[in-house]
Protein backbone atom coordinates (compact mmCIF):
# COMPACT_ATOMS: atom_id res chain seq x y z
CA MET A 1 127.19 107.70 71.63
CA THR A 2 124.96 106.32 69.08
CA LYS A 3 126.18 104.89 65.77
CA ILE A 4 124.29 107.66 63.82
CA TRP A 5 126.43 110.23 65.66
CA LEU A 6 129.64 108.20 65.17
CA THR A 7 128.57 108.24 61.41
CA LEU A 8 128.28 112.10 61.42
CA ILE A 9 131.61 112.38 63.15
CA TRP A 10 133.21 110.05 60.49
CA LEU A 11 131.58 111.91 57.59
CA LEU A 12 132.21 115.41 59.11
CA ALA A 13 135.90 114.79 60.11
CA PHE A 14 137.36 117.17 57.55
CA LEU A 15 134.78 120.09 57.30
CA PRO A 16 135.57 123.03 55.06
CA TRP A 17 136.46 126.37 56.30
CA GLN A 18 136.26 129.56 54.05
CA ALA A 19 135.03 131.80 51.19
CA GLN A 20 134.50 132.73 47.67
CA ALA A 21 137.76 133.47 45.80
CA GLU A 22 139.57 132.42 42.64
CA LEU A 23 141.62 129.35 43.07
CA VAL A 24 145.32 129.68 41.82
CA ILE A 25 146.81 126.55 40.44
CA GLU A 26 150.42 125.74 40.96
CA ILE A 27 152.16 122.84 39.31
CA THR A 28 154.32 121.26 41.98
CA GLY A 29 155.96 118.42 40.19
CA GLY A 30 156.01 116.10 37.23
CA THR A 31 156.69 118.45 34.22
CA GLU A 32 160.17 117.06 33.38
CA ALA A 33 158.91 114.99 30.55
CA ALA A 34 156.48 117.67 29.22
CA LEU A 35 156.40 118.06 25.41
CA PRO A 36 157.44 121.42 24.19
CA ILE A 37 154.86 123.28 22.35
CA ALA A 38 154.76 126.83 20.62
CA ILE A 39 151.63 128.81 21.31
CA VAL A 40 151.78 132.11 19.33
CA PRO A 41 149.67 135.09 20.65
CA PHE A 42 146.54 135.29 18.59
CA GLY A 43 146.35 138.04 16.08
CA ASN A 44 143.61 140.64 16.53
CA THR A 45 141.66 142.98 14.14
CA GLY A 46 138.81 145.33 15.11
CA PHE A 47 137.86 145.32 18.84
CA ALA A 48 140.38 143.91 21.23
CA PRO A 49 139.00 140.69 23.05
CA PRO A 50 138.30 140.81 26.71
CA GLU A 51 140.20 137.49 27.11
CA ASP A 52 143.73 136.63 26.09
CA ILE A 53 142.67 133.36 24.40
CA SER A 54 146.22 132.17 23.67
CA HIS A 55 147.22 132.78 27.32
CA VAL A 56 144.40 130.74 28.61
CA ILE A 57 145.07 127.88 26.23
CA SER A 58 148.85 128.10 27.29
CA ASN A 59 148.03 127.89 30.98
CA ASP A 60 145.67 125.00 30.45
CA LEU A 61 148.14 122.88 28.41
CA ALA A 62 150.86 123.76 31.06
CA ARG A 63 148.90 122.69 34.12
CA SER A 64 148.01 119.32 32.46
CA GLY A 65 151.66 118.47 33.12
CA ARG A 66 151.86 116.89 29.55
CA PHE A 67 153.06 120.19 27.65
CA ALA A 68 155.69 122.71 28.21
CA PRO A 69 154.56 125.98 26.27
CA LEU A 70 157.66 127.91 25.01
CA PRO A 71 158.15 131.27 26.55
CA GLN A 72 156.97 134.04 24.52
CA GLN A 73 160.48 135.60 24.27
CA ASP A 74 161.62 132.39 22.68
CA LEU A 75 159.23 132.51 19.75
CA ILE A 76 161.03 133.33 16.63
CA SER A 77 158.13 135.03 14.91
CA GLN A 78 154.40 135.48 15.45
CA PRO A 79 152.44 133.96 12.53
CA HIS A 80 148.72 133.78 12.62
CA GLU A 81 148.09 131.56 9.70
CA LYS A 82 149.90 128.81 7.75
CA ALA A 83 151.13 131.03 4.83
CA GLN A 84 153.15 133.04 7.33
CA ILE A 85 154.95 130.06 8.94
CA ASN A 86 158.37 129.04 8.01
CA PHE A 87 158.53 125.45 9.47
CA GLN A 88 162.23 125.06 9.10
CA ASP A 89 162.74 127.87 11.55
CA TRP A 90 160.30 126.43 14.12
CA ARG A 91 162.09 123.05 14.00
CA LEU A 92 165.03 124.70 15.42
CA LEU A 93 163.11 125.25 18.71
CA ARG A 94 162.41 121.46 18.91
CA SER A 95 158.72 122.23 19.33
CA GLU A 96 156.36 119.18 18.85
CA GLY A 97 153.48 121.39 17.81
CA LEU A 98 152.73 125.07 16.67
CA LEU A 99 149.39 126.77 17.63
CA VAL A 100 148.36 130.11 15.80
CA GLY A 101 145.16 131.86 15.58
CA LYS A 102 143.31 135.05 14.89
CA VAL A 103 140.48 136.96 16.63
CA ASP A 104 138.26 139.48 15.01
CA SER A 105 135.35 141.72 16.02
CA ILE A 106 133.55 144.77 14.33
CA ASP A 107 131.37 145.65 17.32
CA GLY A 108 133.11 144.23 20.53
CA GLU A 109 130.09 142.05 21.21
CA THR A 110 130.49 139.02 18.89
CA TYR A 111 133.98 137.59 18.08
CA GLN A 112 135.05 135.40 15.27
CA VAL A 113 138.00 133.09 16.30
CA GLN A 114 139.96 130.65 14.26
CA PHE A 115 142.89 128.48 15.26
CA GLN A 116 145.36 126.03 13.56
CA LEU A 117 147.51 123.44 15.13
CA PHE A 118 150.49 122.19 13.13
CA ASP A 119 152.85 119.22 13.27
CA VAL A 120 156.11 121.16 12.97
CA TYR A 121 158.26 118.34 11.56
CA LYS A 122 155.72 117.16 9.12
CA ALA A 123 154.49 120.73 8.24
CA GLN A 124 150.93 119.49 8.41
CA GLN A 125 147.82 120.80 10.00
CA LEU A 126 146.43 118.54 12.76
CA VAL A 127 143.26 120.37 13.48
CA GLY A 128 141.84 123.73 12.63
CA LYS A 129 138.45 125.41 13.43
CA ARG A 130 136.48 128.67 13.26
CA TYR A 131 134.06 129.88 15.71
CA GLN A 132 131.65 132.82 16.37
CA VAL A 133 130.97 133.47 20.07
CA PRO A 134 129.79 136.32 22.15
CA ALA A 135 132.42 138.20 24.14
CA SER A 136 131.23 136.47 27.34
CA GLY A 137 132.01 133.04 25.71
CA LEU A 138 135.74 133.86 24.85
CA ARG A 139 137.10 132.13 28.00
CA ARG A 140 135.07 128.96 27.60
CA LEU A 141 136.12 128.85 23.87
CA ALA A 142 139.71 129.01 24.90
CA HIS A 143 139.24 126.06 27.20
CA GLN A 144 137.55 124.28 24.30
CA ILE A 145 140.43 124.95 21.91
CA ALA A 146 142.74 123.70 24.47
CA ASP A 147 140.77 120.50 24.67
CA GLU A 148 141.00 120.18 20.89
CA VAL A 149 144.81 120.69 20.91
CA TYR A 150 145.22 118.21 23.92
CA GLN A 151 143.27 115.45 22.04
CA ALA A 152 144.95 116.11 18.66
CA LEU A 153 148.41 115.59 20.35
CA THR A 154 147.63 112.88 22.81
CA GLY A 155 144.81 111.02 21.56
CA GLU A 156 142.90 111.53 24.72
CA VAL A 157 139.90 113.68 25.54
CA GLY A 158 140.68 117.00 27.17
CA VAL A 159 138.88 118.24 30.41
CA PHE A 160 139.81 122.00 30.37
CA SER A 161 136.12 122.84 29.58
CA THR A 162 134.96 121.12 32.58
CA ARG A 163 134.09 122.73 36.01
CA LEU A 164 134.91 122.19 39.60
CA ALA A 165 132.52 122.22 42.60
CA PHE A 166 133.79 122.70 46.10
CA VAL A 167 132.74 123.80 49.54
CA THR A 168 134.07 126.74 51.46
CA ALA A 169 133.17 128.61 54.73
CA ILE A 170 134.07 132.10 56.09
CA LYS A 171 134.39 133.00 59.64
CA ASN A 172 132.37 136.03 60.46
CA VAL A 173 133.36 138.69 62.99
CA ASP A 174 130.98 137.15 65.63
CA GLY A 175 132.91 133.86 65.42
CA THR A 176 130.26 132.09 63.52
CA LYS A 177 130.85 130.55 60.06
CA ARG A 178 129.01 130.94 56.67
CA PHE A 179 129.41 127.95 54.32
CA ALA A 180 129.18 128.25 50.62
CA LEU A 181 128.93 125.75 47.77
CA GLN A 182 130.90 127.16 44.75
CA VAL A 183 131.61 126.27 41.22
CA SER A 184 134.50 127.47 39.11
CA ASP A 185 136.10 126.71 35.69
CA SER A 186 138.53 123.81 35.73
CA ASP A 187 141.47 126.38 36.14
CA GLY A 188 139.84 127.88 39.26
CA ALA A 189 138.70 130.92 37.39
CA ASN A 190 135.18 132.43 37.40
CA PRO A 191 134.08 131.06 40.81
CA ARG A 192 130.43 131.59 41.56
CA THR A 193 128.48 130.78 44.59
CA VAL A 194 125.66 128.25 44.15
CA LEU A 195 124.38 128.15 47.80
CA GLN A 196 125.36 130.05 51.08
CA SER A 197 124.33 128.79 54.58
CA LYS A 198 125.07 129.25 58.14
CA GLN A 199 125.15 125.49 58.40
CA PRO A 200 127.51 122.92 56.76
CA ILE A 201 127.20 121.98 53.16
CA MET A 202 128.74 118.58 52.09
CA SER A 203 129.23 116.13 49.39
CA PRO A 204 128.56 117.93 46.02
CA ASN A 205 128.00 115.56 43.27
CA TRP A 206 127.45 116.35 39.51
CA SER A 207 124.65 114.91 37.50
CA PRO A 208 125.93 113.17 34.28
CA ASP A 209 124.85 115.98 32.03
CA GLY A 210 126.56 118.59 34.19
CA GLU A 211 123.34 120.54 34.61
CA ARG A 212 122.61 119.71 38.21
CA LEU A 213 124.24 119.40 41.53
CA THR A 214 123.19 117.30 44.52
CA TYR A 215 124.62 118.00 47.99
CA VAL A 216 123.92 117.62 51.62
CA SER A 217 122.87 120.70 53.56
CA PHE A 218 122.11 121.12 57.35
CA GLU A 219 120.30 124.47 56.88
CA ASN A 220 117.00 123.03 58.29
CA GLY A 221 118.70 121.55 61.44
CA ASN A 222 119.36 118.09 60.08
CA ALA A 223 121.22 116.60 57.23
CA GLU A 224 119.13 116.81 54.10
CA VAL A 225 119.85 116.00 50.38
CA PHE A 226 119.12 118.54 47.78
CA ILE A 227 119.26 118.81 43.92
CA GLN A 228 119.92 122.10 42.42
CA GLU A 229 119.75 123.21 38.73
CA MET A 230 122.84 125.07 37.72
CA THR A 231 121.19 127.47 35.13
CA SER A 232 117.98 128.38 37.06
CA GLY A 233 119.19 127.97 40.60
CA ARG A 234 115.94 126.07 41.39
CA ARG A 235 116.33 123.30 43.83
CA ASN A 236 114.39 120.70 45.74
CA SER A 237 114.83 118.53 48.75
CA VAL A 238 114.83 114.82 47.73
CA ALA A 239 115.89 113.14 51.08
CA ALA A 240 114.84 114.59 54.39
CA PHE A 241 114.15 111.42 56.46
CA LYS A 242 114.47 111.11 60.19
CA GLY A 243 118.25 110.49 60.97
CA LEU A 244 121.09 110.64 58.53
CA ASN A 245 120.57 111.69 54.83
CA SER A 246 124.00 111.81 53.24
CA ALA A 247 126.54 110.90 50.43
CA PRO A 248 124.30 111.38 47.32
CA SER A 249 125.76 110.02 44.03
CA TRP A 250 124.07 110.17 40.62
CA SER A 251 123.60 106.97 38.55
CA PRO A 252 125.22 107.04 35.11
CA ASP A 253 121.95 107.63 33.35
CA GLY A 254 120.97 110.49 35.72
CA LYS A 255 117.71 108.92 36.81
CA LYS A 256 118.66 107.77 40.23
CA LEU A 257 120.57 108.76 43.33
CA ALA A 258 122.35 106.31 45.67
CA LEU A 259 122.15 107.65 49.25
CA THR A 260 123.20 106.75 52.73
CA LEU A 261 120.10 106.91 55.09
CA SER A 262 119.54 105.83 58.71
CA LYS A 263 115.70 106.10 58.52
CA ALA A 264 115.42 102.45 59.66
CA GLY A 265 117.84 103.06 62.43
CA ASN A 266 121.23 102.01 60.94
CA PRO A 267 123.23 103.72 58.13
CA GLU A 268 122.44 101.85 54.98
CA ILE A 269 122.76 102.24 51.26
CA TYR A 270 119.45 103.09 49.31
CA VAL A 271 118.73 103.99 45.65
CA LEU A 272 116.25 106.80 45.03
CA GLU A 273 114.31 106.77 41.77
CA LEU A 274 113.88 110.58 41.08
CA ALA A 275 110.90 110.41 38.62
CA THR A 276 108.72 108.40 41.00
CA GLY A 277 110.26 108.90 44.45
CA ASN A 278 110.49 105.12 44.88
CA LEU A 279 113.23 104.22 47.37
CA ALA A 280 114.83 100.93 47.52
CA ARG A 281 117.19 99.49 50.16
CA VAL A 282 120.42 98.11 48.75
CA THR A 283 122.44 96.85 51.95
CA HIS A 284 121.22 95.08 55.15
CA ASN A 285 123.67 95.00 57.79
CA SER A 286 122.56 96.16 61.26
CA GLN A 287 126.04 95.95 62.74
CA ALA A 288 127.88 98.19 60.27
CA ILE A 289 128.01 101.68 58.86
CA ASP A 290 127.47 101.49 54.99
CA THR A 291 128.04 104.88 53.22
CA GLU A 292 129.70 106.74 50.40
CA ALA A 293 128.24 104.72 47.64
CA VAL A 294 129.29 105.49 43.90
CA TRP A 295 127.95 103.86 40.79
CA MET A 296 130.04 101.63 38.45
CA PRO A 297 129.89 103.03 34.84
CA ASN A 298 127.60 100.16 33.84
CA GLY A 299 124.83 101.43 36.17
CA ASN A 300 124.42 97.98 37.66
CA GLU A 301 126.54 97.94 40.66
CA LEU A 302 127.55 100.29 43.67
CA VAL A 303 130.92 100.63 45.35
CA PHE A 304 130.73 101.83 48.92
CA THR A 305 132.58 102.11 52.29
CA SER A 306 131.56 99.82 55.08
CA ASP A 307 133.12 98.79 58.49
CA ARG A 308 131.36 95.54 58.45
CA GLY A 309 134.75 93.86 58.83
CA GLY A 310 135.70 95.94 61.80
CA ARG A 311 137.48 98.76 59.91
CA PRO A 312 136.40 100.89 56.96
CA GLN A 313 136.98 99.09 53.66
CA ILE A 314 135.50 99.26 50.15
CA TYR A 315 132.84 96.90 48.94
CA LYS A 316 130.85 96.21 45.71
CA VAL A 317 127.11 95.36 45.55
CA PRO A 318 124.53 94.87 42.92
CA ALA A 319 122.47 98.20 42.70
CA ILE A 320 119.22 96.07 43.24
CA GLY A 321 120.69 94.53 46.32
CA GLY A 322 122.42 91.25 47.11
CA LYS A 323 125.75 89.92 48.40
CA ALA A 324 128.55 92.50 48.82
CA GLU A 325 131.94 91.69 47.70
CA ARG A 326 135.03 93.30 49.44
CA LEU A 327 137.40 95.04 47.02
CA THR A 328 140.10 96.38 49.32
CA PHE A 329 142.52 94.25 51.45
CA GLU A 330 145.79 96.21 51.57
CA GLY A 331 145.90 98.41 54.58
CA SER A 332 143.57 98.65 57.58
CA TYR A 333 141.49 101.64 56.27
CA ASN A 334 140.21 102.37 52.84
CA ALA A 335 137.30 104.75 52.25
CA SER A 336 135.75 107.41 50.10
CA PRO A 337 135.93 105.59 46.55
CA ASP A 338 135.53 106.93 43.28
CA ILE A 339 135.57 104.91 39.91
CA SER A 340 137.26 106.05 36.67
CA PRO A 341 135.05 106.56 33.65
CA ASP A 342 136.24 103.29 32.11
CA GLY A 343 135.50 101.40 35.29
CA GLN A 344 139.06 100.05 35.45
CA MET A 345 140.49 102.05 38.38
CA MET A 346 139.27 103.00 41.70
CA THR A 347 140.62 105.89 43.76
CA MET A 348 140.20 106.09 47.50
CA VAL A 349 141.46 107.45 50.85
CA HIS A 350 144.04 104.95 52.07
CA VAL A 351 145.82 104.93 55.54
CA GLN A 352 149.31 104.05 56.20
CA ASN A 353 150.87 104.48 59.60
CA GLY A 354 147.92 106.67 60.82
CA LYS A 355 148.06 109.20 57.85
CA PHE A 356 145.60 109.65 55.03
CA TYR A 357 146.76 109.29 51.36
CA ILE A 358 145.09 109.16 48.03
CA ALA A 359 145.67 106.00 46.25
CA VAL A 360 144.33 104.08 43.14
CA GLN A 361 143.56 100.42 42.80
CA ASP A 362 143.48 98.41 39.70
CA LEU A 363 140.06 96.74 39.78
CA THR A 364 141.28 93.91 37.69
CA THR A 365 144.45 93.01 39.51
CA GLY A 366 143.83 94.51 42.84
CA ALA A 367 147.15 96.35 42.82
CA VAL A 368 147.21 99.55 44.96
CA HIS A 369 149.37 102.48 44.12
CA VAL A 370 149.70 105.40 46.70
CA LEU A 371 149.78 108.73 44.83
CA THR A 372 150.26 111.40 47.49
CA ASP A 373 152.62 112.09 50.35
CA THR A 374 151.02 114.72 52.71
CA GLY A 375 149.19 112.24 54.91
CA ARG A 376 146.14 114.66 55.18
CA ASP A 377 144.27 113.94 52.19
CA GLU A 378 140.64 113.23 51.53
CA SER A 379 137.67 113.37 49.01
CA PRO A 380 139.21 112.10 45.75
CA SER A 381 137.34 112.74 42.45
CA PHE A 382 138.41 111.41 39.08
CA ALA A 383 138.57 113.78 36.16
CA PRO A 384 136.01 112.78 33.47
CA ASN A 385 138.86 111.55 31.18
CA GLY A 386 140.31 109.48 34.12
CA ARG A 387 143.80 111.08 33.78
CA MET A 388 143.83 113.08 37.01
CA ILE A 389 142.36 112.95 40.48
CA LEU A 390 141.15 116.05 42.40
CA TYR A 391 141.18 115.82 46.19
CA ALA A 392 141.36 118.03 49.29
CA THR A 393 144.31 118.26 51.52
CA GLU A 394 146.01 120.72 53.90
CA GLN A 395 149.02 123.08 53.46
CA LYS A 396 150.51 124.76 56.56
CA GLY A 397 147.31 123.98 58.34
CA LYS A 398 144.95 125.35 55.84
CA GLY A 399 142.67 123.35 53.52
CA VAL A 400 143.40 123.40 49.86
CA LEU A 401 142.53 121.50 46.74
CA ALA A 402 145.09 119.54 44.82
CA ALA A 403 145.34 117.18 41.93
CA VAL A 404 147.49 114.27 40.93
CA SER A 405 147.80 112.19 37.79
CA VAL A 406 146.77 108.54 38.02
CA ASP A 407 150.44 107.45 37.67
CA GLY A 408 151.43 109.83 40.51
CA ARG A 409 153.85 111.79 38.17
CA ILE A 410 152.09 115.07 37.91
CA HIS A 411 151.06 117.10 40.94
CA GLN A 412 149.08 120.27 41.24
CA ARG A 413 147.99 122.45 44.08
CA LEU A 414 144.92 124.79 43.91
CA GLY A 415 144.81 127.46 46.63
CA GLU A 416 143.84 131.00 47.36
CA SER A 417 145.59 133.19 49.82
CA GLY A 418 143.63 133.51 53.10
CA SER A 419 140.88 130.85 52.24
CA GLU A 420 140.42 127.07 52.75
CA VAL A 421 138.39 124.75 50.49
CA ARG A 422 137.12 121.17 50.91
CA GLU A 423 134.79 118.60 49.32
CA PRO A 424 135.88 118.76 45.66
CA ALA A 425 133.85 117.34 42.85
CA TRP A 426 134.90 117.28 39.11
CA SER A 427 132.27 117.93 36.63
CA PRO A 428 131.49 115.72 33.54
CA ILE A 429 132.68 116.93 30.17
CA ARG A 430 130.63 119.85 28.83
CA LYS A 431 128.65 119.28 25.77
């Protein structure tokens, strides 16, 4: 068996299996220390909005694991602006924050939305804004407000306005499979199909501006790397060389792709300059499989998986080529790296006792922390604020997505009855 086919088996070890459906997020642990917050249903005048904005905000904050929205039946009143709030009453509920708001529309097409977030104990407004959006933009606005609330209370950037990309497949009645690349809101809602194919789709990766996806498709009989625009749907092939074309990863400036190619006979890391088509080889090791390169935030270095030491481990190399430095030493197998936005942490697939877990490594100290416990985990992807890691796993023999906080405290599972999903990628923060 050739090394290229061994590489394909390695990269295809956990192929996805099923179709378009809304993901349902379940928080499975880590909410014991969540801060209580009161989210009052937004008032409404005129046409009723097609989205329950306060409900979306409440769900966003709850699934972060950082907040525990009070049940609606426990709310002592339903104010919609500061003049209607008796802060002394709300202090009895021991709520850290109080969110109120109003929605108004005179035609059912355009809506005016305002919200105010208050510190209950200081009786002070922390943040408040007004918006005008079309009816179709209400759900995205709800995620945006949740981001505002999250940042005001934690000092960290929220990621509720981001999107998820993932790969599914559906088994047809004749036994064949149809694969799909899908994109959804960060809460799994509004899934839409970007591409369908009778052949596998792999390795989706977002451009830094969130406007394009790159991925690997086998639709033409061989592995081929495409870039697809999210708005227009236009796409083009950027790597269709003889042999393996895989593992695309955008540079931080969006001008280059790191790729794994076997055009010279052995899987190596290359960098493709998109504007010119110039292709530069980064690694040179004829005895090893080098793959899964991702960029450091500085844009000057690549982190990748290689078995040059006999087993898959993670290395770092200058993006222009040079001597590779080994980063992982704990455990006999470490692969599929992703780097936190601040460049301080690396997540990876880490093997212990023959089982596959998601772990993080401090890139300064080298300390490794295993975050998951199922033993069947793969494809970790950092949230754009670095707080959570999205990954693929299995539950009762079925592929699902899951997320875990970088400290391992907060766990979520994203699944849909009857379907399986794989190959997750978390988008950058939407502008």
